[in-house]
Amino acid sequence: MLTRIIAARRANNVMNKDLLGSLMQSSDENSQALTDDQIADNIIGVLFAAQDTTASVLTWIVKYLRDHPSFLDAVTVIIIIHSLVCFVFFITISFAVSLLRKQTMCI
């Protein structure tokens, strides 16, 4: 799939200012343009690195909350309040949509 995206960008001479565009404009230590395989390897590496970083951060957050029960309590309260606010918002929107549908049917 990535190979097709690279080929399409090259065929249309598209060089976006994103990770793929940067890699397509990059060169190796011999000043040669990166091959499609090198570009794909770099993108896969970035994706896995981001996943590992996220998992690592979440692990440290859980450990910190376990080691500091007062923070865990505070975070729990915030999550409960946020959930209730979202629930009330959802119910309000659902009610408003229901009223609009009834009014539309009457017209």
PDB file of N, CA and C in Angstrom:
ATOM      1  N   MET A   1       0.824  -1.183   0.000  1.00  0.00           N
ATOM      2  CA  MET A   1       0.000   0.000   0.000  1.00  0.00           C
ATOM      3  C   MET A   1       0.874   1.255   0.000  1.00  0.00           C
ATOM      4  N   LEU A   2       1.880   1.266   0.835  1.00  0.00           N
ATOM      5  CA  LEU A   2       2.772   2.423   0.907  1.00  0.00           C
ATOM      6  C   LEU A   2       3.500   2.617  -0.418  1.00  0.00           C
ATOM      7  N   THR A   3       3.871   1.527  -1.058  1.00  0.00           N
ATOM      8  CA  THR A   3       4.556   1.610  -2.349  1.00  0.00           C
ATOM      9  C   THR A   3       3.679   2.308  -3.380  1.00  0.00           C
ATOM     10  N   ARG A   4       2.374   2.010  -3.364  1.00  0.00           N
ATOM     11  CA  ARG A   4       1.455   2.659  -4.308  1.00  0.00           C
ATOM     12  C   ARG A   4       1.337   4.160  -4.023  1.00  0.00           C
ATOM     13  N   ILE A   5       1.321   4.516  -2.739  1.00  0.00           N
ATOM     14  CA  ILE A   5       1.231   5.940  -2.377  1.00  0.00           C
ATOM     15  C   ILE A   5       2.483   6.682  -2.847  1.00  0.00           C
ATOM     16  N   ILE A   6       3.640   6.068  -2.628  1.00  0.00           N
ATOM     17  CA  ILE A   6       4.900   6.688  -3.064  1.00  0.00           C
ATOM     18  C   ILE A   6       4.903   6.840  -4.581  1.00  0.00           C
ATOM     19  N   ALA A   7       4.501   5.789  -5.274  1.00  0.00           N
ATOM     20  CA  ALA A   7       4.481   5.830  -6.747  1.00  0.00           C
ATOM     21  C   ALA A   7       3.521   6.913  -7.243  1.00  0.00           C
ATOM     22  N   ALA A   8       2.367   7.027  -6.625  1.00  0.00           N
ATOM     23  CA  ALA A   8       1.387   8.042  -7.035  1.00  0.00           C
ATOM     24  C   ALA A   8       1.936   9.446  -6.795  1.00  0.00           C
ATOM     25  N   ARG A   9       2.586   9.645  -5.671  1.00  0.00           N
ATOM     26  CA  ARG A   9       3.161  10.974  -5.400  1.00  0.00           C
ATOM     27  C   ARG A   9       4.257  11.298  -6.405  1.00  0.00           C
ATOM     28  N   ARG A  10       5.075  10.305  -6.728  1.00  0.00           N
ATOM     29  CA  ARG A  10       6.145  10.559  -7.702  1.00  0.00           C
ATOM     30  C   ARG A  10       5.555  10.829  -9.081  1.00  0.00           C
ATOM     31  N   ALA A  11       4.536  10.050  -9.476  1.00  0.00           N
ATOM     32  CA  ALA A  11       3.920  10.221 -10.797  1.00  0.00           C
ATOM     33  C   ALA A  11       3.282  11.601 -10.934  1.00  0.00           C
ATOM     34  N   ASN A  12       2.703  12.095  -9.851  1.00  0.00           N
ATOM     35  CA  ASN A  12       2.038  13.408  -9.873  1.00  0.00           C
ATOM     36  C   ASN A  12       2.947  14.533  -9.394  1.00  0.00           C
ATOM     37  N   ASN A  13       4.214  14.195  -9.119  1.00  0.00           N
ATOM     38  CA  ASN A  13       5.200  15.168  -8.643  1.00  0.00           C
ATOM     39  C   ASN A  13       4.702  15.911  -7.407  1.00  0.00           C
ATOM     40  N   VAL A  14       4.124  15.140  -6.455  1.00  0.00           N
ATOM     41  CA  VAL A  14       3.594  15.709  -5.215  1.00  0.00           C
ATOM     42  C   VAL A  14       4.619  15.502  -4.102  1.00  0.00           C
ATOM     43  N   MET A  15       5.010  16.595  -3.471  1.00  0.00           N
ATOM     44  CA  MET A  15       5.944  16.524  -2.348  1.00  0.00           C
ATOM     45  C   MET A  15       5.341  17.288  -1.174  1.00  0.00           C
ATOM     46  N   ASN A  16       4.468  16.614  -0.433  1.00  0.00           N
ATOM     47  CA  ASN A  16       3.846  17.235   0.735  1.00  0.00           C
ATOM     48  C   ASN A  16       4.872  17.446   1.828  1.00  0.00           C
ATOM     49  N   LYS A  17       4.551  18.349   2.747  1.00  0.00           N
ATOM     50  CA  LYS A  17       5.431  18.610   3.891  1.00  0.00           C
ATOM     51  C   LYS A  17       5.003  17.727   5.052  1.00  0.00           C
ATOM     52  N   ASP A  18       5.110  16.420   4.855  1.00  0.00           N
ATOM     53  CA  ASP A  18       4.796  15.452   5.892  1.00  0.00           C
ATOM     54  C   ASP A  18       5.944  14.453   5.964  1.00  0.00           C
ATOM     55  N   LEU A  19       5.791  13.447   6.794  1.00  0.00           N
ATOM     56  CA  LEU A  19       6.870  12.469   6.972  1.00  0.00           C
ATOM     57  C   LEU A  19       7.241  11.814   5.653  1.00  0.00           C
ATOM     58  N   LEU A  20       6.242  11.359   4.908  1.00  0.00           N
ATOM     59  CA  LEU A  20       6.519  10.686   3.640  1.00  0.00           C
ATOM     60  C   LEU A  20       7.215  11.628   2.666  1.00  0.00           C
ATOM     61  N   GLY A  21       6.720  12.853   2.551  1.00  0.00           N
ATOM     62  CA  GLY A  21       7.356  13.819   1.657  1.00  0.00           C
ATOM     63  C   GLY A  21       8.799  14.107   2.046  1.00  0.00           C
ATOM     64  N   SER A  22       9.047  14.221   3.348  1.00  0.00           N
ATOM     65  CA  SER A  22      10.418  14.466   3.820  1.00  0.00           C
ATOM     66  C   SER A  22      11.341  13.310   3.462  1.00  0.00           C
ATOM     67  N   LEU A  23      10.847  12.090   3.677  1.00  0.00           N
ATOM     68  CA  LEU A  23      11.665  10.913   3.352  1.00  0.00           C
ATOM     69  C   LEU A  23      11.888  10.784   1.852  1.00  0.00           C
ATOM     70  N   MET A  24      10.894  11.142   1.059  1.00  0.00           N
ATOM     71  CA  MET A  24      11.043  11.066  -0.400  1.00  0.00           C
ATOM     72  C   MET A  24      12.074  12.074  -0.898  1.00  0.00           C
ATOM     73  N   GLN A  25      12.296  13.146  -0.152  1.00  0.00           N
ATOM     74  CA  GLN A  25      13.276  14.159  -0.545  1.00  0.00           C
ATOM     75  C   GLN A  25      14.634  13.939   0.124  1.00  0.00           C
ATOM     76  N   SER A  26      14.712  12.937   1.000  1.00  0.00           N
ATOM     77  CA  SER A  26      15.954  12.679   1.739  1.00  0.00           C
ATOM     78  C   SER A  26      16.927  11.858   0.907  1.00  0.00           C
ATOM     79  N   SER A  27      18.169  11.882   1.371  1.00  0.00           N
ATOM     80  CA  SER A  27      19.200  11.073   0.711  1.00  0.00           C
ATOM     81  C   SER A  27      19.990  10.311   1.763  1.00  0.00           C
ATOM     82  N   ASP A  28      20.685   9.279   1.313  1.00  0.00           N
ATOM     83  CA  ASP A  28      21.481   8.468   2.235  1.00  0.00           C
ATOM     84  C   ASP A  28      22.863   9.078   2.404  1.00  0.00           C
ATOM     85  N   GLU A  29      23.753   8.329   3.080  1.00  0.00           N
ATOM     86  CA  GLU A  29      25.099   8.851   3.349  1.00  0.00           C
ATOM     87  C   GLU A  29      25.926   9.059   2.094  1.00  0.00           C
ATOM     88  N   ASN A  30      25.513   8.470   0.962  1.00  0.00           N
ATOM     89  CA  ASN A  30      26.224   8.638  -0.318  1.00  0.00           C
ATOM     90  C   ASN A  30      25.525   9.661  -1.217  1.00  0.00           C
ATOM     91  N   SER A  31      24.628  10.431  -0.643  1.00  0.00           N
ATOM     92  CA  SER A  31      23.862  11.455  -1.357  1.00  0.00           C
ATOM     93  C   SER A  31      22.948  10.865  -2.425  1.00  0.00           C
ATOM     94  N   GLN A  32      22.573   9.600  -2.250  1.00  0.00           N
ATOM     95  CA  GLN A  32      21.635   8.945  -3.159  1.00  0.00           C
ATOM     96  C   GLN A  32      20.228   9.057  -2.571  1.00  0.00           C
ATOM     97  N   ALA A  33      19.233   9.234  -3.423  1.00  0.00           N
ATOM     98  CA  ALA A  33      17.850   9.282  -2.956  1.00  0.00           C
ATOM     99  C   ALA A  33      17.504   7.945  -2.295  1.00  0.00           C
ATOM    100  N   LEU A  34      16.691   8.015  -1.254  1.00  0.00           N
ATOM    101  CA  LEU A  34      16.271   6.781  -0.582  1.00  0.00           C
ATOM    102  C   LEU A  34      15.406   5.944  -1.524  1.00  0.00           C
ATOM    103  N   THR A  35      15.575   4.637  -1.444  1.00  0.00           N
ATOM    104  CA  THR A  35      14.726   3.742  -2.227  1.00  0.00           C
ATOM    105  C   THR A  35      13.355   3.644  -1.564  1.00  0.00           C
ATOM    106  N   ASP A  36      12.399   3.122  -2.310  1.00  0.00           N
ATOM    107  CA  ASP A  36      11.055   2.942  -1.739  1.00  0.00           C
ATOM    108  C   ASP A  36      11.107   2.037  -0.509  1.00  0.00           C
ATOM    109  N   ASP A  37      11.948   1.006  -0.558  1.00  0.00           N
ATOM    110  CA  ASP A  37      12.079   0.103   0.599  1.00  0.00           C
ATOM    111  C   ASP A  37      12.658   0.835   1.813  1.00  0.00           C
ATOM    112  N   GLN A  38      13.641   1.702   1.595  1.00  0.00           N
ATOM    113  CA  GLN A  38      14.214   2.467   2.703  1.00  0.00           C
ATOM    114  C   GLN A  38      13.184   3.428   3.290  1.00  0.00           C
ATOM    115  N   ILE A  39      12.400   4.047   2.424  1.00  0.00           N
ATOM    116  CA  ILE A  39      11.354   4.953   2.889  1.00  0.00           C
ATOM    117  C   ILE A  39      10.337   4.186   3.726  1.00  0.00           C
ATOM    118  N   ALA A  40       9.893   3.037   3.217  1.00  0.00           N
ATOM    119  CA  ALA A  40       8.919   2.215   3.941  1.00  0.00           C
ATOM    120  C   ALA A  40       9.487   1.764   5.281  1.00  0.00           C
ATOM    121  N   ASP A  41      10.746   1.333   5.306  1.00  0.00           N
ATOM    122  CA  ASP A  41      11.373   0.905   6.565  1.00  0.00           C
ATOM    123  C   ASP A  41      11.398   2.038   7.582  1.00  0.00           C
ATOM    124  N   ASN A  42      11.715   3.242   7.125  1.00  0.00           N
ATOM    125  CA  ASN A  42      11.754   4.395   8.036  1.00  0.00           C
ATOM    126  C   ASN A  42      10.369   4.723   8.584  1.00  0.00           C
ATOM    127  N   ILE A  43       9.361   4.669   7.741  1.00  0.00           N
ATOM    128  CA  ILE A  43       8.000   4.970   8.204  1.00  0.00           C
ATOM    129  C   ILE A  43       7.536   3.922   9.210  1.00  0.00           C
ATOM    130  N   ILE A  44       7.797   2.655   8.915  1.00  0.00           N
ATOM    131  CA  ILE A  44       7.430   1.587   9.854  1.00  0.00           C
ATOM    132  C   ILE A  44       8.168   1.777  11.178  1.00  0.00           C
ATOM    133  N   GLY A  45       9.438   2.149  11.110  1.00  0.00           N
ATOM    134  CA  GLY A  45      10.210   2.401  12.331  1.00  0.00           C
ATOM    135  C   GLY A  45       9.607   3.515  13.169  1.00  0.00           C
ATOM    136  N   VAL A  46       9.187   4.598  12.520  1.00  0.00           N
ATOM    137  CA  VAL A  46       8.573   5.718  13.244  1.00  0.00           C
ATOM    138  C   VAL A  46       7.256   5.278  13.884  1.00  0.00           C
ATOM    139  N   LEU A  47       6.448   4.522  13.146  1.00  0.00           N
ATOM    140  CA  LEU A  47       5.170   4.061  13.691  1.00  0.00           C
ATOM    141  C   LEU A  47       5.368   3.172  14.915  1.00  0.00           C
ATOM    142  N   PHE A  48       6.309   2.236  14.834  1.00  0.00           N
ATOM    143  CA  PHE A  48       6.557   1.362  15.980  1.00  0.00           C
ATOM    144  C   PHE A  48       7.173   2.130  17.140  1.00  0.00           C
ATOM    145  N   ALA A  49       8.037   3.080  16.854  1.00  0.00           N
ATOM    146  CA  ALA A  49       8.635   3.886  17.925  1.00  0.00           C
ATOM    147  C   ALA A  49       7.559   4.685  18.647  1.00  0.00           C
ATOM    148  N   ALA A  50       6.621   5.231  17.896  1.00  0.00           N
ATOM    149  CA  ALA A  50       5.528   5.997  18.514  1.00  0.00           C
ATOM    150  C   ALA A  50       4.673   5.097  19.386  1.00  0.00           C
ATOM    151  N   GLN A  51       4.422   3.881  18.915  1.00  0.00           N
ATOM    152  CA  GLN A  51       3.613   2.942  19.697  1.00  0.00           C
ATOM    153  C   GLN A  51       4.342   2.567  20.985  1.00  0.00           C
ATOM    154  N   ASP A  52       5.629   2.281  20.892  1.00  0.00           N
ATOM    155  CA  ASP A  52       6.397   1.918  22.081  1.00  0.00           C
ATOM    156  C   ASP A  52       6.477   3.072  23.063  1.00  0.00           C
ATOM    157  N   THR A  53       6.637   4.280  22.556  1.00  0.00           N
ATOM    158  CA  THR A  53       6.713   5.451  23.426  1.00  0.00           C
ATOM    159  C   THR A  53       5.399   5.641  24.173  1.00  0.00           C
ATOM    160  N   THR A  54       4.287   5.509  23.457  1.00  0.00           N
ATOM    161  CA  THR A  54       2.977   5.654  24.088  1.00  0.00           C
ATOM    162  C   THR A  54       2.779   4.604  25.169  1.00  0.00           C
ATOM    163  N   ALA A  55       3.126   3.368  24.868  1.00  0.00           N
ATOM    164  CA  ALA A  55       2.983   2.289  25.849  1.00  0.00           C
ATOM    165  C   ALA A  55       3.864   2.552  27.069  1.00  0.00           C
ATOM    166  N   SER A  56       5.071   3.035  26.828  1.00  0.00           N
ATOM    167  CA  SER A  56       5.989   3.323  27.922  1.00  0.00           C
ATOM    168  C   SER A  56       5.446   4.446  28.813  1.00  0.00           C
ATOM    169  N   VAL A  57       4.947   5.505  28.197  1.00  0.00           N
ATOM    170  CA  VAL A  57       4.398   6.627  28.974  1.00  0.00           C
ATOM    171  C   VAL A  57       3.195   6.171  29.791  1.00  0.00           C
ATOM    172  N   LEU A  58       2.297   5.395  29.178  1.00  0.00           N
ATOM    173  CA  LEU A  58       1.130   4.912  29.909  1.00  0.00           C
ATOM    174  C   LEU A  58       1.540   4.024  31.083  1.00  0.00           C
ATOM    175  N   THR A  59       2.560   3.219  30.885  1.00  0.00           N
ATOM    176  CA  THR A  59       3.050   2.366  31.972  1.00  0.00           C
ATOM    177  C   THR A  59       3.542   3.215  33.135  1.00  0.00           C
ATOM    178  N   TRP A  60       4.313   4.266  32.846  1.00  0.00           N
ATOM    179  CA  TRP A  60       4.833   5.129  33.910  1.00  0.00           C
ATOM    180  C   TRP A  60       3.707   5.895  34.601  1.00  0.00           C
ATOM    181  N   ILE A  61       2.688   6.299  33.843  1.00  0.00           N
ATOM    182  CA  ILE A  61       1.552   6.995  34.453  1.00  0.00           C
ATOM    183  C   ILE A  61       0.834   6.075  35.427  1.00  0.00           C
ATOM    184  N   VAL A  62       0.599   4.839  35.012  1.00  0.00           N
ATOM    185  CA  VAL A  62      -0.084   3.875  35.887  1.00  0.00           C
ATOM    186  C   VAL A  62       0.746   3.631  37.143  1.00  0.00           C
ATOM    187  N   LYS A  63       2.063   3.480  36.979  1.00  0.00           N
ATOM    188  CA  LYS A  63       2.933   3.266  38.139  1.00  0.00           C
ATOM    189  C   LYS A  63       2.893   4.473  39.074  1.00  0.00           C
ATOM    190  N   TYR A  64       2.950   5.677  38.506  1.00  0.00           N
ATOM    191  CA  TYR A  64       2.927   6.886  39.325  1.00  0.00           C
ATOM    192  C   TYR A  64       1.621   6.983  40.104  1.00  0.00           C
ATOM    193  N   LEU A  65       0.501   6.700  39.425  1.00  0.00           N
ATOM    194  CA  LEU A  65      -0.791   6.761  40.102  1.00  0.00           C
ATOM    195  C   LEU A  65      -0.899   5.707  41.202  1.00  0.00           C
ATOM    196  N   ARG A  66      -0.298   4.545  40.970  1.00  0.00           N
ATOM    197  CA  ARG A  66      -0.313   3.506  41.999  1.00  0.00           C
ATOM    198  C   ARG A  66       0.520   3.933  43.210  1.00  0.00           C
ATOM    199  N   ASP A  67       1.631   4.603  42.946  1.00  0.00           N
ATOM    200  CA  ASP A  67       2.519   5.039  44.031  1.00  0.00           C
ATOM    201  C   ASP A  67       1.991   6.264  44.772  1.00  0.00           C
ATOM    202  N   HIS A  68       1.044   6.988  44.186  1.00  0.00           N
ATOM    203  CA  HIS A  68       0.504   8.207  44.784  1.00  0.00           C
ATOM    204  C   HIS A  68      -1.025   8.141  44.792  1.00  0.00           C
ATOM    205  N   PRO A  69      -1.584   7.460  45.775  1.00  0.00           N
ATOM    206  CA  PRO A  69      -3.041   7.254  45.824  1.00  0.00           C
ATOM    207  C   PRO A  69      -3.855   8.553  45.805  1.00  0.00           C
ATOM    208  N   SER A  70      -3.321   9.634  46.357  1.00  0.00           N
ATOM    209  CA  SER A  70      -4.089  10.886  46.351  1.00  0.00           C
ATOM    210  C   SER A  70      -4.271  11.399  44.920  1.00  0.00           C
ATOM    211  N   PHE A  71      -3.239  11.243  44.088  1.00  0.00           N
ATOM    212  CA  PHE A  71      -3.369  11.629  42.684  1.00  0.00           C
ATOM    213  C   PHE A  71      -4.337  10.706  41.956  1.00  0.00           C
ATOM    214  N   LEU A  72      -4.277   9.424  42.283  1.00  0.00           N
ATOM    215  CA  LEU A  72      -5.210   8.468  41.690  1.00  0.00           C
ATOM    216  C   LEU A  72      -6.647   8.855  42.025  1.00  0.00           C
ATOM    217  N   ASP A  73      -6.887   9.219  43.274  1.00  0.00           N
ATOM    218  CA  ASP A  73      -8.229   9.651  43.685  1.00  0.00           C
ATOM    219  C   ASP A  73      -8.663  10.889  42.900  1.00  0.00           C
ATOM    220  N   ALA A  74      -7.755  11.844  42.758  1.00  0.00           N
ATOM    221  CA  ALA A  74      -8.080  13.078  42.029  1.00  0.00           C
ATOM    222  C   ALA A  74      -8.380  12.781  40.560  1.00  0.00           C
ATOM    223  N   VAL A  75      -7.578  11.945  39.943  1.00  0.00           N
ATOM    224  CA  VAL A  75      -7.803  11.578  38.539  1.00  0.00           C
ATOM    225  C   VAL A  75      -9.121  10.831  38.394  1.00  0.00           C
ATOM    226  N   THR A  76      -9.420   9.952  39.339  1.00  0.00           N
ATOM    227  CA  THR A  76     -10.680   9.208  39.308  1.00  0.00           C
ATOM    228  C   THR A  76     -11.866  10.161  39.367  1.00  0.00           C
ATOM    229  N   VAL A  77     -11.800  11.147  40.251  1.00  0.00           N
ATOM    230  CA  VAL A  77     -12.888  12.135  40.362  1.00  0.00           C
ATOM    231  C   VAL A  77     -13.035  12.898  39.047  1.00  0.00           C
ATOM    232  N   ILE A  78     -11.939  13.304  38.471  1.00  0.00           N
ATOM    233  CA  ILE A  78     -11.987  14.049  37.204  1.00  0.00           C
ATOM    234  C   ILE A  78     -12.616  13.193  36.105  1.00  0.00           C
ATOM    235  N   ILE A  79     -12.246  11.928  36.039  1.00  0.00           N
ATOM    236  CA  ILE A  79     -12.809  11.032  35.023  1.00  0.00           C
ATOM    237  C   ILE A  79     -14.305  10.852  35.242  1.00  0.00           C
ATOM    238  N   ILE A  80     -14.714  10.684  36.482  1.00  0.00           N
ATOM    239  CA  ILE A  80     -16.148  10.521  36.771  1.00  0.00           C
ATOM    240  C   ILE A  80     -16.913  11.784  36.382  1.00  0.00           C
ATOM    241  N   ILE A  81     -16.398  12.948  36.769  1.00  0.00           N
ATOM    242  CA  ILE A  81     -17.066  14.209  36.430  1.00  0.00           C
ATOM    243  C   ILE A  81     -17.143  14.378  34.914  1.00  0.00           C
ATOM    244  N   HIS A  82     -16.043  14.114  34.239  1.00  0.00           N
ATOM    245  CA  HIS A  82     -16.019  14.233  32.776  1.00  0.00           C
ATOM    246  C   HIS A  82     -17.028  13.274  32.142  1.00  0.00           C
ATOM    247  N   SER A  83     -17.094  12.060  32.644  1.00  0.00           N
ATOM    248  CA  SER A  83     -18.047  11.073  32.112  1.00  0.00           C
ATOM    249  C   SER A  83     -19.485  11.540  32.314  1.00  0.00           C
ATOM    250  N   LEU A  84     -19.769  12.092  33.485  1.00  0.00           N
ATOM    251  CA  LEU A  84     -21.118  12.589  33.747  1.00  0.00           C
ATOM    252  C   LEU A  84     -21.465  13.760  32.840  1.00  0.00           C
ATOM    253  N   VAL A  85     -20.521  14.668  32.647  1.00  0.00           N
ATOM    254  CA  VAL A  85     -20.759  15.810  31.761  1.00  0.00           C
ATOM    255  C   VAL A  85     -21.020  15.317  30.337  1.00  0.00           C
ATOM    256  N   CYS A  86     -20.225  14.367  29.886  1.00  0.00           N
ATOM    257  CA  CYS A  86     -20.428  13.811  28.539  1.00  0.00           C
ATOM    258  C   CYS A  86     -21.781  13.122  28.446  1.00  0.00           C
ATOM    259  N   PHE A  87     -22.167  12.395  29.483  1.00  0.00           N
ATOM    260  CA  PHE A  87     -23.453  11.709  29.491  1.00  0.00           C
ATOM    261  C   PHE A  87     -24.597  12.710  29.408  1.00  0.00           C
ATOM    262  N   VAL A  88     -24.528  13.766  30.222  1.00  0.00           N
ATOM    263  CA  VAL A  88     -25.573  14.798  30.204  1.00  0.00           C
ATOM    264  C   VAL A  88     -25.624  15.470  28.838  1.00  0.00           C
ATOM    265  N   PHE A  89     -24.481  15.760  28.272  1.00  0.00           N
ATOM    266  CA  PHE A  89     -24.419  16.371  26.944  1.00  0.00           C
ATOM    267  C   PHE A  89     -25.066  15.446  25.911  1.00  0.00           C
ATOM    268  N   PHE A  90     -24.752  14.150  25.965  1.00  0.00           N
ATOM    269  CA  PHE A  90     -25.322  13.183  25.036  1.00  0.00           C
ATOM    270  C   PHE A  90     -26.839  13.126  25.174  1.00  0.00           C
ATOM    271  N   ILE A  91     -27.329  13.079  26.393  1.00  0.00           N
ATOM    272  CA  ILE A  91     -28.782  13.025  26.631  1.00  0.00           C
ATOM    273  C   ILE A  91     -29.436  14.297  26.094  1.00  0.00           C
ATOM    274  N   THR A  92     -28.817  15.463  26.340  1.00  0.00           N
ATOM    275  CA  THR A  92     -29.363  16.730  25.873  1.00  0.00           C
ATOM    276  C   THR A  92     -29.427  16.765  24.344  1.00  0.00           C
ATOM    277  N   ILE A  93     -28.356  16.361  23.702  1.00  0.00           N
ATOM    278  CA  ILE A  93     -28.323  16.342  22.238  1.00  0.00           C
ATOM    279  C   ILE A  93     -29.355  15.359  21.697  1.00  0.00           C
ATOM    280  N   SER A  94     -29.444  14.191  22.306  1.00  0.00           N
ATOM    281  CA  SER A  94     -30.422  13.188  21.866  1.00  0.00           C
ATOM    282  C   SER A  94     -31.842  13.734  21.982  1.00  0.00           C
ATOM    283  N   PHE A  95     -32.129  14.415  23.081  1.00  0.00           N
ATOM    284  CA  PHE A  95     -33.455  15.002  23.293  1.00  0.00           C
ATOM    285  C   PHE A  95     -33.731  16.077  22.241  1.00  0.00           C
ATOM    286  N   ALA A  96     -32.741  16.921  21.976  1.00  0.00           N
ATOM    287  CA  ALA A  96     -32.905  17.991  20.982  1.00  0.00           C
ATOM    288  C   ALA A  96     -33.147  17.399  19.590  1.00  0.00           C
ATOM    289  N   VAL A  97     -32.417  16.373  19.235  1.00  0.00           N
ATOM    290  CA  VAL A  97     -32.608  15.728  17.928  1.00  0.00           C
ATOM    291  C   VAL A  97     -34.000  15.116  17.854  1.00  0.00           C
ATOM    292  N   SER A  98     -34.429  14.485  18.934  1.00  0.00           N
ATOM    293  CA  SER A  98     -35.767  13.899  18.990  1.00  0.00           C
ATOM    294  C   SER A  98     -36.833  14.966  18.768  1.00  0.00           C
ATOM    295  N   LEU A  99     -36.689  16.113  19.427  1.00  0.00           N
ATOM    296  CA  LEU A  99     -37.652  17.211  19.248  1.00  0.00           C
ATOM    297  C   LEU A  99     -37.644  17.733  17.815  1.00  0.00           C
ATOM    298  N   LEU A 100     -36.458  17.869  17.248  1.00  0.00           N
ATOM    299  CA  LEU A 100     -36.363  18.355  15.860  1.00  0.00           C
ATOM    300  C   LEU A 100     -37.022  17.376  14.895  1.00  0.00           C
ATOM    301  N   ARG A 101     -36.834  16.092  15.118  1.00  0.00           N
ATOM    302  CA  ARG A 101     -37.475  15.092  14.258  1.00  0.00           C
ATOM    303  C   ARG A 101     -38.995  15.169  14.375  1.00  0.00           C
ATOM    304  N   LYS A 102     -39.504  15.347  15.582  1.00  0.00           N
ATOM    305  CA  LYS A 102     -40.961  15.445  15.779  1.00  0.00           C
ATOM    306  C   LYS A 102     -41.495  16.693  15.079  1.00  0.00           C
ATOM    307  N   GLN A 103     -40.782  17.818  15.195  1.00  0.00           N
ATOM    308  CA  GLN A 103     -41.231  19.049  14.548  1.00  0.00           C
ATOM    309  C   GLN A 103     -41.196  18.910  13.034  1.00  0.00           C
ATOM    310  N   THR A 104     -40.197  18.236  12.518  1.00  0.00           N
ATOM    311  CA  THR A 104     -40.066  18.049  11.081  1.00  0.00           C
ATOM    312  C   THR A 104     -41.211  17.189  10.551  1.00  0.00           C
ATOM    313  N   MET A 105     -41.616  16.190  11.331  1.00  0.00           N
ATOM    314  CA  MET A 105     -42.719  15.314  10.929  1.00  0.00           C
ATOM    315  C   MET A 105     -44.039  16.075  10.901  1.00  0.00           C
ATOM    316  N   CYS A 106     -44.179  17.074  11.765  1.00  0.00           N
ATOM    317  CA  CYS A 106     -45.427  17.830  11.837  1.00  0.00           C
ATOM    318  C   CYS A 106     -45.594  18.805  10.679  1.00  0.00           C
ATOM    319  N   ILE A 107     -44.509  19.175  10.068  1.00  0.00           N
ATOM    320  CA  ILE A 107     -44.564  20.206   9.002  1.00  0.00           C
ATOM    321  C   ILE A 107     -45.015  19.620   7.699  1.00  0.00           C
TER     322      ILE A 107
END
